[in-house]
Amino acid sequence: KPKYPQAALRKRLMGKGIFLLNVNAKTGKVTSIKVEKRTGYELLDVAALETLIKWRFKPNTFTRVHVPVLFGMNSYRTAELHQMFP
């Protein structure tokens, strides 16, 4: 999962976003990412992008993957993801 940037923690920045990963079917590597919904802070968006571009998938399984990302002060809350993806 994306690392919470220390600067964002100090400023108590929180946000949630949705990222669309385009995956090379043969290799399973992420080839590009589209930000479908920003987190609200460039610092958090960049942290998510830096991590998501390194993700790898089993070859011949996915070509596109929607990934919700949540940066919050509390623990990861599944309920918020259900609101984002009913």
Protein backbone atom coordinates (compact mmCIF):
# COMPACT_ATOMS: atom_id res chain seq x y z
CA LYS A 1 0.00 0.00 0.00
CA PRO A 2 1.14 3.59 -0.52
CA LYS A 3 3.28 5.10 2.22
CA TYR A 4 1.77 8.04 4.06
CA PRO A 5 4.21 10.91 3.39
CA GLN A 6 5.69 12.36 6.59
CA ALA A 7 4.93 15.91 5.42
CA ALA A 8 1.27 14.93 4.96
CA LEU A 9 1.17 13.35 8.42
CA ARG A 10 2.60 16.49 10.02
CA LYS A 11 -0.05 18.59 8.26
CA ARG A 12 -2.74 15.97 9.05
CA LEU A 13 -3.73 15.78 5.37
CA MET A 14 -6.34 13.17 4.55
CA GLY A 15 -7.91 12.14 1.27
CA LYS A 16 -9.22 9.36 -0.87
CA GLY A 17 -8.85 8.83 -4.58
CA ILE A 18 -9.40 6.37 -7.38
CA PHE A 19 -6.68 5.33 -9.77
CA LEU A 20 -7.05 3.31 -12.99
CA LEU A 21 -4.06 1.07 -13.66
CA ASN A 22 -3.39 -0.06 -17.23
CA VAL A 23 -1.61 -3.41 -17.13
CA ASN A 24 0.42 -5.18 -19.80
CA ALA A 25 -1.41 -8.50 -20.07
CA LYS A 26 1.70 -10.46 -21.05
CA THR A 27 4.01 -9.20 -18.30
CA GLY A 28 1.57 -8.13 -15.57
CA LYS A 29 3.42 -4.82 -15.20
CA VAL A 30 1.58 -1.52 -14.79
CA THR A 31 2.19 0.51 -17.95
CA SER A 32 0.31 3.69 -17.04
CA ILE A 33 -2.03 5.16 -14.45
CA LYS A 34 -4.98 7.51 -14.87
CA VAL A 35 -6.11 9.50 -11.83
CA GLU A 36 -9.89 9.18 -11.94
CA LYS A 37 -10.48 10.95 -8.63
CA ARG A 38 -7.77 12.95 -6.90
CA THR A 39 -7.16 12.64 -3.17
CA GLY A 40 -7.36 16.39 -2.86
CA TYR A 41 -3.63 16.86 -2.25
CA GLU A 42 -0.82 16.54 -4.79
CA LEU A 43 1.45 15.11 -2.09
CA LEU A 44 -0.95 12.20 -1.50
CA ASP A 45 -1.59 11.67 -5.22
CA VAL A 46 2.15 11.41 -5.88
CA ALA A 47 2.63 8.94 -3.01
CA ALA A 48 -0.12 6.74 -4.46
CA LEU A 49 1.26 6.97 -8.01
CA GLU A 50 4.83 6.12 -6.89
CA THR A 51 3.59 2.93 -5.26
CA LEU A 52 0.97 1.85 -7.78
CA ILE A 53 3.36 2.04 -10.75
CA LYS A 54 5.45 -0.67 -9.02
CA TRP A 55 2.54 -3.10 -8.65
CA ARG A 56 2.70 -6.38 -10.57
CA PHE A 57 -0.10 -8.74 -11.52
CA LYS A 58 -0.13 -12.35 -12.60
CA PRO A 59 0.35 -12.37 -16.39
CA ASN A 60 -2.75 -12.79 -18.55
CA THR A 61 -5.19 -11.87 -15.76
CA PHE A 62 -5.85 -8.11 -15.94
CA THR A 63 -5.48 -5.27 -18.41
CA ARG A 64 -7.21 -2.55 -16.34
CA VAL A 65 -7.67 -2.29 -12.58
CA HIS A 66 -9.48 0.39 -10.54
CA VAL A 67 -7.72 0.97 -7.23
CA PRO A 68 -9.24 3.03 -4.41
CA VAL A 69 -6.67 4.68 -2.14
CA LEU A 70 -7.44 6.10 1.28
CA PHE A 71 -5.09 8.24 3.36
CA GLY A 72 -6.53 8.84 6.82
CA MET A 73 -5.40 9.42 10.37
CA ASN A 74 -7.30 6.36 11.61
CA SER A 75 -6.94 2.76 10.54
CA TYR A 76 -8.04 1.70 7.09
CA ARG A 77 -11.84 1.73 6.99
CA THR A 78 -13.58 -0.77 4.72
CA ALA A 79 -16.89 1.08 5.11
CA GLU A 80 -15.48 4.09 3.27
CA LEU A 81 -14.47 1.88 0.36
CA HIS A 82 -18.01 0.47 0.20
CA GLN A 83 -19.29 4.03 -0.09
CA MET A 84 -16.85 4.71 -2.92
CA PHE A 85 -17.76 1.44 -4.69
CA PRO A 86 -21.37 0.52 -3.79
